[in-house]
Each structure stands twice: as C-alpha cells, then as structure tokens.
Amino acid sequence: MAASSVRRHRAACDGGKRATAARHVSLQLSHLLNLLRPHAHRFTKQKAKTNSHRLCVRQSSDKIRVSIRDVVRDDPTNNVLDSIFSKLGMQLHRRDHHPIGILKNAIYNYFDITYSGKFDKFDNLFPFVSVKMNFDDVLVREDHVSRSYNDTYYVDSQTVLRCHISAHQAELLRKGHTHFLVTGDVYRRDSIDSTHRPVFHQMEGFRVFTPDDWEPSGMDGTSYVAEDLKKCLEDISRVGVCFLWNASV
C-alpha cells in the first residue's frame, strides 16, 4: 500500500509539472499570436520555390550564386551537411507573408514611426562570414566552446556559417552606420529539441549614443541608454504584457 501511495504521489507531481509546462507554452504561443494577429490577413498559402542544388543570394543589387560544391567541401574542417545547405537562401525573413517576415516588418514599422529615418535596415547580408567576424570581432575568447567544430558549421578553417547576426556589427560600424537593424538566418550545430534548431533567425538593433543624446536629460550615459532600451522593448511588445526588469542587469 505504501508503494502504491508513492506511485500515485509521483504521478500527481508529474501531472502537475506537465500541466505547468503546458500552461507556460500556451502563454508563450498566446503572446506570439497577439503580436501577429493584426497582420493575419497577410498570410498566404503560396508554396515557395526551392532549389537544393543551387543557391541565389542577393546582396545589394548583385546576385551571388553558390553551388553545393562551394559549401559542402572535402576540406577536412568542413562539417556543413547537405540538409543545412538546403536551407541556405530560403530567406523566410524576407517573405512578406511568412510569420517571420510579418514580425520583422511589424518591428520595422515601429522603428519607422518612433525613430523616423534614423535606423538603417539590413536583411540580406551573406550568411558566410570569416572566423574573425563571427568570433574575434564580438570578443569571443579563443578557448570558448562555441568556436569548436561541434558547435559551429565550418566551410573551411577560416569561414563559417554565422552563429549570430552580431557577426556583422563591426563591419557595419566600420562602414559608418551608427543606427541599424540587422535580420537574418543563423546556423548552429544544436541538437533539435523544443527550444533548439540548427537554423533559426535573429534580429538585432544597434545604436551609438553620444553625450549630445544624454546630457540634456541630466542623466548619466549608462542610465539614459538603459531607460531608452527599456522603453523601446516595452513599446514594441506591449500587448497586455506586464514587464519586470531585473535591477542587477
């Protein structure tokens, strides 16, 4: 009888954990649907055309064609699978009727209204970047695990599929951009589960502040930037959401 009671107790606990997890997922999905609902009329059932043998990526006004032989190589450091190559060039974030494209454009719309003409937008940067851009330029230390062949897709020893959209930060700053939004597909050698995929999308916002921005407010630079960031994030996602900021961050 005691063993039976323990089993019933464990079953009840497991059931409670599953219910809590289900409620958490439901809340996350509900929040995402609220963000997308105003744009629901833009969804389409059109099937995108794909080509598993050739890739065409537009960068500015030029076309760059990459064959599978340029990506999946015999180089001893190459670990790009055919299945990953097939995802290159899909550019879901550039499809206006795809949920990712709709969300991107909703964020663009916020910045266009709130910061009219201030932010440059980039959503078509080539996903192959140098090891320097992907790691060194964003201060990833030499011994960091993310540099390993187990975590990153290497085309060769000096070229990778970007692990994060931050890989373009330094390049854009060097070109003189001080306010920009960057969107793109990123690649990591993650095992697939409920929160991880080997291919996903990121958007990054970057702004350089100067003393002319914060001095009129009477605040120090750090406090001014923190308040500006909070306001931006809250205004973008304000759909019946309660915000709680960690003061230690």
C-alpha atoms as a PDB file:
ATOM      1  CA  MET A   1       0.000   0.000   0.000  1.00  0.00           C
ATOM      2  CA  ALA A   2       2.872   2.388   0.808  1.00  0.00           C
ATOM      3  CA  ALA A   3       4.498   1.764  -2.584  1.00  0.00           C
ATOM      4  CA  SER A   4       1.165   2.332  -4.304  1.00  0.00           C
ATOM      5  CA  SER A   5       0.749   5.652  -2.471  1.00  0.00           C
ATOM      6  CA  VAL A   6       4.234   6.750  -3.541  1.00  0.00           C
ATOM      7  CA  ARG A   7       3.454   5.905  -7.172  1.00  0.00           C
ATOM      8  CA  ARG A   8       0.211   7.875  -7.004  1.00  0.00           C
ATOM      9  CA  HIS A   9       2.045  10.813  -5.419  1.00  0.00           C
ATOM     10  CA  ARG A  10       4.730  10.755  -8.130  1.00  0.00           C
ATOM     11  CA  ALA A  11       2.101  10.527 -10.846  1.00  0.00           C
ATOM     12  CA  ALA A  12       0.294  13.532  -9.369  1.00  0.00           C
ATOM     13  CA  CYS A  13       3.552  15.518  -9.225  1.00  0.00           C
ATOM     14  CA  ASP A  14       4.447  14.593 -12.801  1.00  0.00           C
ATOM     15  CA  GLY A  15       0.967  15.544 -13.925  1.00  0.00           C
ATOM     16  CA  GLY A  16       1.274  18.896 -12.168  1.00  0.00           C
ATOM     17  CA  LYS A  17       4.641  19.581 -13.824  1.00  0.00           C
ATOM     18  CA  ARG A  18       3.222  18.711 -17.249  1.00  0.00           C
ATOM     19  CA  ALA A  19       0.245  20.995 -16.660  1.00  0.00           C
ATOM     20  CA  THR A  20       2.544  23.849 -15.585  1.00  0.00           C
ATOM     21  CA  ALA A  21       4.732  23.354 -18.662  1.00  0.00           C
ATOM     22  CA  ALA A  22       1.665  23.240 -20.902  1.00  0.00           C
ATOM     23  CA  ARG A  23       0.359  26.499 -19.413  1.00  0.00           C
ATOM     24  CA  HIS A  24       3.779  28.119 -19.929  1.00  0.00           C
ATOM     25  CA  VAL A  25       3.883  27.071 -23.598  1.00  0.00           C
ATOM     26  CA  SER A  26       0.282  28.195 -24.034  1.00  0.00           C
ATOM     27  CA  LEU A  27       1.120  31.655 -22.646  1.00  0.00           C
ATOM     28  CA  GLN A  28       4.122  31.963 -24.961  1.00  0.00           C
ATOM     29  CA  LEU A  29       2.044  30.975 -28.000  1.00  0.00           C
ATOM     30  CA  SER A  30      -0.737  33.328 -26.951  1.00  0.00           C
ATOM     31  CA  HIS A  31       1.727  36.243 -26.728  1.00  0.00           C
ATOM     32  CA  LEU A  32       3.148  35.453 -30.187  1.00  0.00           C
ATOM     33  CA  LEU A  33      -0.346  35.222 -31.677  1.00  0.00           C
ATOM     34  CA  ASN A  34      -1.227  38.602 -30.166  1.00  0.00           C
ATOM     35  CA  LEU A  35       1.803  40.131 -31.872  1.00  0.00           C
ATOM     36  CA  LEU A  36       0.890  38.584 -35.234  1.00  0.00           C
ATOM     37  CA  ARG A  37      -2.908  38.936 -35.107  1.00  0.00           C
ATOM     38  CA  PRO A  38      -3.051  42.496 -36.557  1.00  0.00           C
ATOM     39  CA  HIS A  39      -1.192  41.172 -39.603  1.00  0.00           C
ATOM     40  CA  ALA A  40      -3.089  37.889 -40.031  1.00  0.00           C
ATOM     41  CA  HIS A  41      -4.686  38.963 -43.311  1.00  0.00           C
ATOM     42  CA  ARG A  42      -1.253  38.907 -44.919  1.00  0.00           C
ATOM     43  CA  PHE A  43      -0.714  35.159 -44.526  1.00  0.00           C
ATOM     44  CA  THR A  44      -0.611  33.182 -47.761  1.00  0.00           C
ATOM     45  CA  LYS A  45      -0.615  29.539 -48.716  1.00  0.00           C
ATOM     46  CA  GLN A  46       1.686  30.031 -51.687  1.00  0.00           C
ATOM     47  CA  LYS A  47       4.401  27.414 -51.802  1.00  0.00           C
ATOM     48  CA  ALA A  48       7.914  28.807 -52.068  1.00  0.00           C
ATOM     49  CA  LYS A  49      10.183  27.547 -54.819  1.00  0.00           C
ATOM     50  CA  THR A  50      13.381  25.948 -53.605  1.00  0.00           C
ATOM     51  CA  ASN A  51      16.423  24.518 -55.337  1.00  0.00           C
ATOM     52  CA  SER A  52      18.550  22.044 -53.444  1.00  0.00           C
ATOM     53  CA  HIS A  53      21.493  22.243 -55.848  1.00  0.00           C
ATOM     54  CA  ARG A  54      21.993  25.948 -56.397  1.00  0.00           C
ATOM     55  CA  LEU A  55      21.627  28.948 -54.189  1.00  0.00           C
ATOM     56  CA  CYS A  56      20.989  32.530 -55.217  1.00  0.00           C
ATOM     57  CA  VAL A  57      21.532  35.199 -52.584  1.00  0.00           C
ATOM     58  CA  ARG A  58      21.082  38.878 -53.388  1.00  0.00           C
ATOM     59  CA  GLN A  59      23.486  41.243 -51.721  1.00  0.00           C
ATOM     60  CA  SER A  60      22.700  44.857 -52.579  1.00  0.00           C
ATOM     61  CA  SER A  61      21.846  44.779 -56.307  1.00  0.00           C
ATOM     62  CA  ASP A  62      24.212  41.930 -57.175  1.00  0.00           C
ATOM     63  CA  LYS A  63      23.428  38.244 -57.392  1.00  0.00           C
ATOM     64  CA  ILE A  64      25.750  35.745 -55.788  1.00  0.00           C
ATOM     65  CA  ARG A  65      25.425  32.128 -56.832  1.00  0.00           C
ATOM     66  CA  VAL A  66      26.882  29.393 -54.682  1.00  0.00           C
ATOM     67  CA  SER A  67      26.896  25.763 -55.692  1.00  0.00           C
ATOM     68  CA  ILE A  68      26.776  22.930 -53.212  1.00  0.00           C
ATOM     69  CA  ARG A  69      30.407  22.178 -54.094  1.00  0.00           C
ATOM     70  CA  ASP A  70      31.371  25.588 -52.695  1.00  0.00           C
ATOM     71  CA  VAL A  71      29.759  24.848 -49.338  1.00  0.00           C
ATOM     72  CA  VAL A  72      29.873  21.096 -48.738  1.00  0.00           C
ATOM     73  CA  ARG A  73      33.556  20.528 -49.459  1.00  0.00           C
ATOM     74  CA  ASP A  74      36.198  17.876 -48.974  1.00  0.00           C
ATOM     75  CA  ASP A  75      38.101  20.299 -46.745  1.00  0.00           C
ATOM     76  CA  PRO A  76      38.997  18.397 -43.547  1.00  0.00           C
ATOM     77  CA  THR A  77      37.483  21.162 -41.420  1.00  0.00           C
ATOM     78  CA  ASN A  78      34.183  21.269 -43.347  1.00  0.00           C
ATOM     79  CA  ASN A  79      31.182  19.986 -41.406  1.00  0.00           C
ATOM     80  CA  VAL A  80      28.265  21.519 -43.369  1.00  0.00           C
ATOM     81  CA  LEU A  81      25.656  18.846 -44.058  1.00  0.00           C
ATOM     82  CA  ASP A  82      23.565  18.633 -47.231  1.00  0.00           C
ATOM     83  CA  SER A  83      20.496  19.205 -45.066  1.00  0.00           C
ATOM     84  CA  ILE A  84      21.936  22.507 -43.815  1.00  0.00           C
ATOM     85  CA  PHE A  85      22.969  23.604 -47.303  1.00  0.00           C
ATOM     86  CA  SER A  86      19.380  23.086 -48.462  1.00  0.00           C
ATOM     87  CA  LYS A  87      18.248  25.803 -46.009  1.00  0.00           C
ATOM     88  CA  LEU A  88      20.587  28.456 -47.428  1.00  0.00           C
ATOM     89  CA  GLY A  89      18.848  31.082 -49.499  1.00  0.00           C
ATOM     90  CA  MET A  90      15.331  30.355 -48.233  1.00  0.00           C
ATOM     91  CA  GLN A  91      15.280  33.799 -46.576  1.00  0.00           C
ATOM     92  CA  LEU A  92      11.999  33.310 -44.732  1.00  0.00           C
ATOM     93  CA  HIS A  93      12.509  36.696 -43.071  1.00  0.00           C
ATOM     94  CA  ARG A  94      12.275  38.397 -46.481  1.00  0.00           C
ATOM     95  CA  ARG A  95       8.909  36.844 -47.348  1.00  0.00           C
ATOM     96  CA  ASP A  96       6.252  39.405 -46.507  1.00  0.00           C
ATOM     97  CA  HIS A  97       3.552  36.764 -45.972  1.00  0.00           C
ATOM     98  CA  HIS A  98       5.615  34.426 -43.789  1.00  0.00           C
ATOM     99  CA  PRO A  99       5.186  34.799 -39.984  1.00  0.00           C
ATOM    100  CA  ILE A 100       8.879  35.682 -39.587  1.00  0.00           C
ATOM    101  CA  GLY A 101       8.633  38.285 -42.342  1.00  0.00           C
ATOM    102  CA  ILE A 102       5.438  39.697 -40.842  1.00  0.00           C
ATOM    103  CA  LEU A 103       7.062  40.023 -37.417  1.00  0.00           C
ATOM    104  CA  LYS A 104      10.155  41.644 -38.942  1.00  0.00           C
ATOM    105  CA  ASN A 105       8.035  44.187 -40.800  1.00  0.00           C
ATOM    106  CA  ALA A 106       5.999  44.936 -37.667  1.00  0.00           C
ATOM    107  CA  ILE A 107       9.233  45.792 -35.841  1.00  0.00           C
ATOM    108  CA  TYR A 108      10.426  47.826 -38.824  1.00  0.00           C
ATOM    109  CA  ASN A 109       7.152  49.730 -38.726  1.00  0.00           C
ATOM    110  CA  TYR A 110       7.674  50.601 -35.047  1.00  0.00           C
ATOM    111  CA  PHE A 111      11.167  51.965 -35.719  1.00  0.00           C
ATOM    112  CA  ASP A 112       9.999  53.874 -38.799  1.00  0.00           C
ATOM    113  CA  ILE A 113       7.344  55.635 -36.730  1.00  0.00           C
ATOM    114  CA  THR A 114       9.298  56.125 -33.499  1.00  0.00           C
ATOM    115  CA  TYR A 115      12.742  56.866 -34.951  1.00  0.00           C
ATOM    116  CA  SER A 116      11.804  58.161 -38.395  1.00  0.00           C
ATOM    117  CA  GLY A 117      14.688  57.902 -40.850  1.00  0.00           C
ATOM    118  CA  LYS A 118      17.262  57.161 -38.150  1.00  0.00           C
ATOM    119  CA  PHE A 119      17.803  53.392 -38.412  1.00  0.00           C
ATOM    120  CA  ASP A 120      19.306  51.694 -41.457  1.00  0.00           C
ATOM    121  CA  LYS A 121      17.918  48.224 -42.196  1.00  0.00           C
ATOM    122  CA  PHE A 122      19.842  45.182 -43.407  1.00  0.00           C
ATOM    123  CA  ASP A 123      18.153  41.843 -44.059  1.00  0.00           C
ATOM    124  CA  ASN A 124      20.189  40.440 -46.947  1.00  0.00           C
ATOM    125  CA  LEU A 125      23.746  40.043 -45.685  1.00  0.00           C
ATOM    126  CA  PHE A 126      25.579  36.941 -46.883  1.00  0.00           C
ATOM    127  CA  PRO A 127      25.498  34.177 -44.207  1.00  0.00           C
ATOM    128  CA  PHE A 128      29.122  33.102 -44.808  1.00  0.00           C
ATOM    129  CA  VAL A 129      31.440  35.119 -42.575  1.00  0.00           C
ATOM    130  CA  SER A 130      35.042  34.892 -41.500  1.00  0.00           C
ATOM    131  CA  VAL A 131      36.072  33.376 -38.194  1.00  0.00           C
ATOM    132  CA  LYS A 132      37.254  36.869 -37.248  1.00  0.00           C
ATOM    133  CA  MET A 133      33.806  38.397 -37.875  1.00  0.00           C
ATOM    134  CA  ASN A 134      31.945  35.598 -36.123  1.00  0.00           C
ATOM    135  CA  PHE A 135      34.140  35.366 -33.034  1.00  0.00           C
ATOM    136  CA  ASP A 136      37.025  37.833 -32.712  1.00  0.00           C
ATOM    137  CA  ASP A 137      35.073  40.983 -33.617  1.00  0.00           C
ATOM    138  CA  VAL A 138      32.457  40.262 -30.938  1.00  0.00           C
ATOM    139  CA  LEU A 139      35.108  39.387 -28.320  1.00  0.00           C
ATOM    140  CA  VAL A 140      34.531  35.633 -28.113  1.00  0.00           C
ATOM    141  CA  ARG A 141      37.630  34.340 -26.371  1.00  0.00           C
ATOM    142  CA  GLU A 142      39.952  31.878 -28.100  1.00  0.00           C
ATOM    143  CA  ASP A 143      39.064  28.932 -25.858  1.00  0.00           C
ATOM    144  CA  HIS A 144      35.280  29.448 -25.931  1.00  0.00           C
ATOM    145  CA  VAL A 145      33.314  26.281 -26.670  1.00  0.00           C
ATOM    146  CA  SER A 146      31.287  27.982 -29.415  1.00  0.00           C
ATOM    147  CA  ARG A 147      34.391  28.002 -31.636  1.00  0.00           C
ATOM    148  CA  SER A 148      34.527  24.204 -31.697  1.00  0.00           C
ATOM    149  CA  TYR A 149      33.545  22.114 -34.709  1.00  0.00           C
ATOM    150  CA  ASN A 150      30.897  20.530 -32.509  1.00  0.00           C
ATOM    151  CA  ASP A 151      29.077  23.856 -32.133  1.00  0.00           C
ATOM    152  CA  THR A 152      29.707  25.772 -35.382  1.00  0.00           C
ATOM    153  CA  TYR A 153      29.365  24.967 -39.086  1.00  0.00           C
ATOM    154  CA  TYR A 154      32.735  25.487 -40.762  1.00  0.00           C
ATOM    155  CA  VAL A 155      33.052  25.834 -44.546  1.00  0.00           C
ATOM    156  CA  ASP A 156      36.821  25.833 -44.106  1.00  0.00           C
ATOM    157  CA  SER A 157      39.189  26.731 -41.287  1.00  0.00           C
ATOM    158  CA  GLN A 158      38.648  30.488 -41.796  1.00  0.00           C
ATOM    159  CA  THR A 159      34.986  30.620 -42.910  1.00  0.00           C
ATOM    160  CA  VAL A 160      31.805  29.702 -41.038  1.00  0.00           C
ATOM    161  CA  LEU A 161      28.057  29.959 -41.346  1.00  0.00           C
ATOM    162  CA  ARG A 162      27.292  32.821 -38.963  1.00  0.00           C
ATOM    163  CA  CYS A 163      26.248  31.674 -35.484  1.00  0.00           C
ATOM    164  CA  HIS A 164      24.647  35.029 -34.679  1.00  0.00           C
ATOM    165  CA  ILE A 165      23.668  38.152 -36.555  1.00  0.00           C
ATOM    166  CA  SER A 166      26.134  40.084 -34.352  1.00  0.00           C
ATOM    167  CA  ALA A 167      28.840  38.870 -36.745  1.00  0.00           C
ATOM    168  CA  HIS A 168      28.023  41.910 -38.924  1.00  0.00           C
ATOM    169  CA  GLN A 169      28.248  44.538 -36.163  1.00  0.00           C
ATOM    170  CA  ALA A 170      31.885  45.573 -36.555  1.00  0.00           C
ATOM    171  CA  GLU A 171      31.701  45.593 -40.349  1.00  0.00           C
ATOM    172  CA  LEU A 172      28.682  47.915 -40.349  1.00  0.00           C
ATOM    173  CA  LEU A 173      30.278  50.209 -37.768  1.00  0.00           C
ATOM    174  CA  ARG A 174      33.429  50.445 -39.886  1.00  0.00           C
ATOM    175  CA  LYS A 175      31.242  51.491 -42.808  1.00  0.00           C
ATOM    176  CA  GLY A 176      29.893  54.381 -40.745  1.00  0.00           C
ATOM    177  CA  HIS A 177      26.492  53.030 -39.696  1.00  0.00           C
ATOM    178  CA  THR A 178      25.623  54.089 -36.139  1.00  0.00           C
ATOM    179  CA  HIS A 179      21.904  53.170 -36.011  1.00  0.00           C
ATOM    180  CA  PHE A 180      20.850  49.923 -37.666  1.00  0.00           C
ATOM    181  CA  LEU A 181      18.626  46.844 -37.583  1.00  0.00           C
ATOM    182  CA  VAL A 182      20.014  43.562 -38.919  1.00  0.00           C
ATOM    183  CA  THR A 183      17.914  40.472 -39.617  1.00  0.00           C
ATOM    184  CA  GLY A 184      18.995  37.096 -40.951  1.00  0.00           C
ATOM    185  CA  ASP A 185      19.169  33.340 -40.722  1.00  0.00           C
ATOM    186  CA  VAL A 186      21.820  31.932 -38.375  1.00  0.00           C
ATOM    187  CA  TYR A 187      23.295  28.458 -38.001  1.00  0.00           C
ATOM    188  CA  ARG A 188      24.450  26.421 -35.018  1.00  0.00           C
ATOM    189  CA  ARG A 189      25.183  22.743 -34.560  1.00  0.00           C
ATOM    190  CA  ASP A 190      22.453  22.262 -31.970  1.00  0.00           C
ATOM    191  CA  SER A 191      20.535  19.070 -31.324  1.00  0.00           C
ATOM    192  CA  ILE A 192      16.890  19.558 -32.209  1.00  0.00           C
ATOM    193  CA  ASP A 193      14.538  19.835 -29.241  1.00  0.00           C
ATOM    194  CA  SER A 194      11.700  22.100 -28.081  1.00  0.00           C
ATOM    195  CA  THR A 195      13.972  25.160 -27.858  1.00  0.00           C
ATOM    196  CA  HIS A 196      16.845  24.435 -30.263  1.00  0.00           C
ATOM    197  CA  ARG A 197      17.146  24.183 -34.050  1.00  0.00           C
ATOM    198  CA  PRO A 198      20.271  24.160 -36.245  1.00  0.00           C
ATOM    199  CA  VAL A 199      18.810  27.006 -38.345  1.00  0.00           C
ATOM    200  CA  PHE A 200      16.859  29.932 -36.897  1.00  0.00           C
ATOM    201  CA  HIS A 201      16.514  33.705 -37.255  1.00  0.00           C
ATOM    202  CA  GLN A 202      17.711  36.719 -35.313  1.00  0.00           C
ATOM    203  CA  MET A 203      17.116  40.451 -35.444  1.00  0.00           C
ATOM    204  CA  GLU A 204      19.495  42.857 -33.782  1.00  0.00           C
ATOM    205  CA  GLY A 205      19.153  46.555 -33.124  1.00  0.00           C
ATOM    206  CA  PHE A 206      22.256  48.688 -32.677  1.00  0.00           C
ATOM    207  CA  ARG A 207      22.542  52.357 -31.750  1.00  0.00           C
ATOM    208  CA  VAL A 208      25.544  54.508 -30.890  1.00  0.00           C
ATOM    209  CA  PHE A 209      24.779  57.185 -28.285  1.00  0.00           C
ATOM    210  CA  THR A 210      26.782  60.394 -27.849  1.00  0.00           C
ATOM    211  CA  PRO A 211      26.894  62.929 -24.983  1.00  0.00           C
ATOM    212  CA  ASP A 212      24.578  65.143 -27.054  1.00  0.00           C
ATOM    213  CA  ASP A 213      21.902  62.468 -26.550  1.00  0.00           C
ATOM    214  CA  TRP A 214      22.040  62.104 -22.768  1.00  0.00           C
ATOM    215  CA  GLU A 215      23.420  65.375 -21.368  1.00  0.00           C
ATOM    216  CA  PRO A 216      20.198  67.412 -21.879  1.00  0.00           C
ATOM    217  CA  SER A 217      18.339  64.825 -19.773  1.00  0.00           C
ATOM    218  CA  GLY A 218      20.565  65.334 -16.733  1.00  0.00           C
ATOM    219  CA  MET A 219      21.186  61.564 -16.604  1.00  0.00           C
ATOM    220  CA  ASP A 220      24.491  59.775 -16.912  1.00  0.00           C
ATOM    221  CA  GLY A 221      25.123  57.902 -20.147  1.00  0.00           C
ATOM    222  CA  THR A 222      24.519  54.404 -18.764  1.00  0.00           C
ATOM    223  CA  SER A 223      21.195  55.286 -17.127  1.00  0.00           C
ATOM    224  CA  TYR A 224      19.978  57.146 -20.207  1.00  0.00           C
ATOM    225  CA  VAL A 225      20.782  54.255 -22.544  1.00  0.00           C
ATOM    226  CA  ALA A 226      19.178  51.720 -20.181  1.00  0.00           C
ATOM    227  CA  GLU A 227      15.947  53.733 -19.996  1.00  0.00           C
ATOM    228  CA  ASP A 228      15.882  54.204 -23.766  1.00  0.00           C
ATOM    229  CA  LEU A 229      16.325  50.453 -24.302  1.00  0.00           C
ATOM    230  CA  LYS A 230      13.579  49.575 -21.800  1.00  0.00           C
ATOM    231  CA  LYS A 231      11.141  51.980 -23.425  1.00  0.00           C
ATOM    232  CA  CYS A 232      11.908  50.604 -26.880  1.00  0.00           C
ATOM    233  CA  LEU A 233      11.424  46.957 -25.858  1.00  0.00           C
ATOM    234  CA  GLU A 234       8.263  47.693 -23.884  1.00  0.00           C
ATOM    235  CA  ASP A 235       6.663  49.729 -26.665  1.00  0.00           C
ATOM    236  CA  ILE A 236       7.408  47.100 -29.331  1.00  0.00           C
ATOM    237  CA  SER A 237       5.782  44.226 -27.447  1.00  0.00           C
ATOM    238  CA  ARG A 238       3.075  45.957 -25.424  1.00  0.00           C
ATOM    239  CA  VAL A 239       0.143  43.572 -25.904  1.00  0.00           C
ATOM    240  CA  GLY A 240      -1.279  43.181 -22.414  1.00  0.00           C
ATOM    241  CA  VAL A 241       2.144  42.207 -21.071  1.00  0.00           C
ATOM    242  CA  CYS A 242       3.428  43.005 -17.587  1.00  0.00           C
ATOM    243  CA  PHE A 243       7.151  43.868 -17.572  1.00  0.00           C
ATOM    244  CA  LEU A 244       9.549  43.191 -14.707  1.00  0.00           C
ATOM    245  CA  TRP A 245      13.123  44.414 -15.111  1.00  0.00           C
ATOM    246  CA  ASN A 246      15.990  42.927 -13.133  1.00  0.00           C
ATOM    247  CA  ALA A 247      17.717  45.864 -11.446  1.00  0.00           C
ATOM    248  CA  SER A 248      21.041  43.996 -11.314  1.00  0.00           C
ATOM    249  CA  VAL A 249      21.285  43.715 -15.113  1.00  0.00           C
END
